[in-house]
Amino acid sequence: MLIKIIIIILFLLILASLVSALIHLVSNKGDGRGTVRALTVRIALSVFAFVFLLICAQMGWIQPHGLGG
């Protein structure tokens, strides 16, 4: 159950970073540093989530299953 909560929190953080990038993109007039920083954070979180899921599957903490059966 703890792993599922961590994964959900990671996805929410990724979404928040994406929204932050959108806000910076719309509100800044010519300065894209905030947008680039927010997108960099999103990419880093996405890579971390992917690696975390791989490690969890290897350790047996989560059980991957097929699509539909």
N, C-alpha and C. Protein backbone atom coordinates (compact mmCIF):
# COMPACT_ATOMS: atom_id res chain seq x y z
N MET A 1 0.83 -1.20 0.00
CA MET A 1 0.00 0.00 0.00
C MET A 1 0.87 1.26 0.00
N LEU A 2 2.00 1.20 0.70
CA LEU A 2 2.89 2.35 0.74
C LEU A 2 3.45 2.67 -0.64
N ILE A 3 3.76 1.65 -1.41
CA ILE A 3 4.30 1.85 -2.76
C ILE A 3 3.27 2.56 -3.63
N LYS A 4 2.01 2.18 -3.52
CA LYS A 4 0.96 2.82 -4.32
C LYS A 4 0.82 4.29 -3.96
N ILE A 5 0.93 4.60 -2.68
CA ILE A 5 0.84 6.00 -2.24
C ILE A 5 2.01 6.80 -2.78
N ILE A 6 3.21 6.23 -2.75
CA ILE A 6 4.39 6.91 -3.28
C ILE A 6 4.24 7.17 -4.77
N ILE A 7 3.73 6.19 -5.51
CA ILE A 7 3.54 6.34 -6.95
C ILE A 7 2.50 7.42 -7.25
N ILE A 8 1.42 7.44 -6.50
CA ILE A 8 0.39 8.47 -6.70
C ILE A 8 0.96 9.85 -6.40
N ILE A 9 1.73 9.97 -5.34
CA ILE A 9 2.35 11.26 -5.00
C ILE A 9 3.30 11.70 -6.10
N LEU A 10 4.09 10.76 -6.65
CA LEU A 10 4.99 11.10 -7.75
C LEU A 10 4.21 11.61 -8.95
N PHE A 11 3.12 10.93 -9.32
CA PHE A 11 2.32 11.38 -10.45
C PHE A 11 1.70 12.76 -10.20
N LEU A 12 1.27 13.02 -8.98
CA LEU A 12 0.71 14.33 -8.65
C LEU A 12 1.79 15.42 -8.73
N LEU A 13 3.00 15.10 -8.29
CA LEU A 13 4.10 16.05 -8.39
C LEU A 13 4.45 16.33 -9.85
N ILE A 14 4.42 15.31 -10.68
CA ILE A 14 4.68 15.49 -12.11
C ILE A 14 3.61 16.40 -12.72
N LEU A 15 2.37 16.16 -12.37
CA LEU A 15 1.28 16.99 -12.87
C LEU A 15 1.40 18.44 -12.38
N ALA A 16 1.77 18.62 -11.12
CA ALA A 16 1.93 19.97 -10.57
C ALA A 16 3.06 20.70 -11.28
N SER A 17 4.12 20.00 -11.59
CA SER A 17 5.24 20.62 -12.30
C SER A 17 4.82 21.02 -13.71
N LEU A 18 4.02 20.20 -14.36
CA LEU A 18 3.53 20.53 -15.69
C LEU A 18 2.62 21.76 -15.66
N VAL A 19 1.76 21.84 -14.66
CA VAL A 19 0.89 23.01 -14.51
C VAL A 19 1.73 24.25 -14.21
N SER A 20 2.76 24.10 -13.40
CA SER A 20 3.65 25.21 -13.10
C SER A 20 4.35 25.72 -14.37
N ALA A 21 4.78 24.80 -15.22
CA ALA A 21 5.41 25.19 -16.48
C ALA A 21 4.43 25.96 -17.35
N LEU A 22 3.18 25.51 -17.39
CA LEU A 22 2.17 26.20 -18.18
C LEU A 22 1.93 27.61 -17.65
N ILE A 23 1.87 27.75 -16.34
CA ILE A 23 1.65 29.07 -15.74
C ILE A 23 2.82 29.99 -16.06
N HIS A 24 4.05 29.48 -15.96
CA HIS A 24 5.22 30.29 -16.30
C HIS A 24 5.22 30.67 -17.77
N LEU A 25 4.80 29.74 -18.62
CA LEU A 25 4.79 30.00 -20.05
C LEU A 25 3.80 31.10 -20.41
N VAL A 26 2.64 31.08 -19.75
CA VAL A 26 1.60 32.06 -20.06
C VAL A 26 1.91 33.41 -19.42
N SER A 27 2.44 33.42 -18.20
CA SER A 27 2.58 34.68 -17.46
C SER A 27 3.87 35.43 -17.78
N ASN A 28 4.95 34.74 -18.10
CA ASN A 28 6.22 35.43 -18.37
C ASN A 28 6.24 36.02 -19.76
N LYS A 29 6.82 37.21 -19.85
CA LYS A 29 6.89 37.89 -21.13
C LYS A 29 8.34 37.86 -21.62
N GLY A 30 8.72 36.79 -22.29
CA GLY A 30 10.05 36.70 -22.86
C GLY A 30 11.06 35.96 -22.00
N ASP A 31 10.78 35.75 -20.73
CA ASP A 31 11.72 35.06 -19.84
C ASP A 31 11.23 33.63 -19.65
N GLY A 32 11.97 32.67 -20.21
CA GLY A 32 11.53 31.29 -20.17
C GLY A 32 12.23 30.44 -19.13
N ARG A 33 12.97 31.08 -18.21
CA ARG A 33 13.72 30.30 -17.21
C ARG A 33 12.81 29.51 -16.28
N GLY A 34 11.69 30.09 -15.88
CA GLY A 34 10.76 29.38 -15.01
C GLY A 34 10.13 28.18 -15.70
N THR A 35 9.81 28.36 -16.98
CA THR A 35 9.24 27.26 -17.76
C THR A 35 10.25 26.13 -17.91
N VAL A 36 11.47 26.48 -18.25
CA VAL A 36 12.52 25.47 -18.43
C VAL A 36 12.79 24.74 -17.12
N ARG A 37 12.84 25.46 -16.02
CA ARG A 37 13.08 24.84 -14.72
C ARG A 37 11.95 23.88 -14.35
N ALA A 38 10.71 24.29 -14.56
CA ALA A 38 9.57 23.43 -14.23
C ALA A 38 9.55 22.18 -15.11
N LEU A 39 9.87 22.33 -16.39
CA LEU A 39 9.90 21.17 -17.26
C LEU A 39 11.07 20.25 -16.93
N THR A 40 12.18 20.82 -16.49
CA THR A 40 13.32 20.01 -16.07
C THR A 40 12.95 19.18 -14.83
N VAL A 41 12.25 19.80 -13.90
CA VAL A 41 11.80 19.08 -12.72
C VAL A 41 10.84 17.96 -13.12
N ARG A 42 9.95 18.24 -14.08
CA ARG A 42 9.01 17.22 -14.54
C ARG A 42 9.74 16.04 -15.16
N ILE A 43 10.74 16.31 -15.97
CA ILE A 43 11.50 15.23 -16.60
C ILE A 43 12.23 14.41 -15.54
N ALA A 44 12.85 15.10 -14.58
CA ALA A 44 13.58 14.39 -13.52
C ALA A 44 12.63 13.51 -12.70
N LEU A 45 11.46 14.03 -12.37
CA LEU A 45 10.47 13.24 -11.62
C LEU A 45 9.97 12.05 -12.44
N SER A 46 9.78 12.25 -13.73
CA SER A 46 9.33 11.16 -14.58
C SER A 46 10.37 10.05 -14.67
N VAL A 47 11.63 10.42 -14.82
CA VAL A 47 12.70 9.42 -14.87
C VAL A 47 12.80 8.70 -13.54
N PHE A 48 12.70 9.44 -12.44
CA PHE A 48 12.75 8.83 -11.12
C PHE A 48 11.58 7.85 -10.93
N ALA A 49 10.38 8.25 -11.38
CA ALA A 49 9.21 7.37 -11.25
C ALA A 49 9.40 6.09 -12.06
N PHE A 50 9.95 6.22 -13.26
CA PHE A 50 10.18 5.05 -14.11
C PHE A 50 11.18 4.10 -13.45
N VAL A 51 12.29 4.64 -12.97
CA VAL A 51 13.30 3.82 -12.31
C VAL A 51 12.74 3.20 -11.03
N PHE A 52 11.97 3.97 -10.29
CA PHE A 52 11.35 3.47 -9.06
C PHE A 52 10.42 2.30 -9.36
N LEU A 53 9.62 2.41 -10.42
CA LEU A 53 8.72 1.32 -10.79
C LEU A 53 9.50 0.08 -11.21
N LEU A 54 10.59 0.27 -11.94
CA LEU A 54 11.42 -0.87 -12.33
C LEU A 54 12.02 -1.57 -11.11
N ILE A 55 12.52 -0.78 -10.17
CA ILE A 55 13.11 -1.35 -8.95
C ILE A 55 12.05 -2.08 -8.14
N CYS A 56 10.87 -1.49 -8.02
CA CYS A 56 9.78 -2.14 -7.27
C CYS A 56 9.38 -3.45 -7.91
N ALA A 57 9.35 -3.49 -9.23
CA ALA A 57 9.00 -4.73 -9.92
C ALA A 57 10.09 -5.79 -9.72
N GLN A 58 11.34 -5.38 -9.77
CA GLN A 58 12.45 -6.32 -9.58
C GLN A 58 12.48 -6.87 -8.15
N MET A 59 12.17 -6.04 -7.18
CA MET A 59 12.19 -6.46 -5.79
C MET A 59 10.95 -7.26 -5.40
N GLY A 60 9.94 -7.27 -6.27
CA GLY A 60 8.73 -8.01 -5.98
C GLY A 60 7.71 -7.24 -5.16
N TRP A 61 7.92 -5.94 -5.01
CA TRP A 61 6.99 -5.13 -4.22
C TRP A 61 5.70 -4.85 -4.97
N ILE A 62 5.77 -4.83 -6.30
CA ILE A 62 4.57 -4.69 -7.12
C ILE A 62 4.58 -5.83 -8.13
N GLN A 63 3.41 -6.23 -8.57
CA GLN A 63 3.29 -7.31 -9.52
C GLN A 63 2.73 -6.77 -10.83
N PRO A 64 3.58 -6.66 -11.85
CA PRO A 64 3.06 -6.22 -13.15
C PRO A 64 2.13 -7.28 -13.75
N HIS A 65 1.15 -6.83 -14.52
CA HIS A 65 0.24 -7.77 -15.14
C HIS A 65 0.01 -7.34 -16.58
N GLY A 66 -0.50 -8.25 -17.36
CA GLY A 66 -0.75 -7.98 -18.78
C GLY A 66 -1.97 -7.09 -18.98
N LEU A 67 -2.15 -6.67 -20.20
CA LEU A 67 -3.30 -5.84 -20.54
C LEU A 67 -4.48 -6.72 -20.89
N GLY A 68 -5.38 -6.89 -20.00
CA GLY A 68 -6.61 -7.61 -20.27
C GLY A 68 -6.58 -9.11 -20.00
N GLY A 69 -5.55 -9.57 -19.38
CA GLY A 69 -5.72 -10.93 -18.99
C GLY A 69 -4.65 -11.90 -19.17
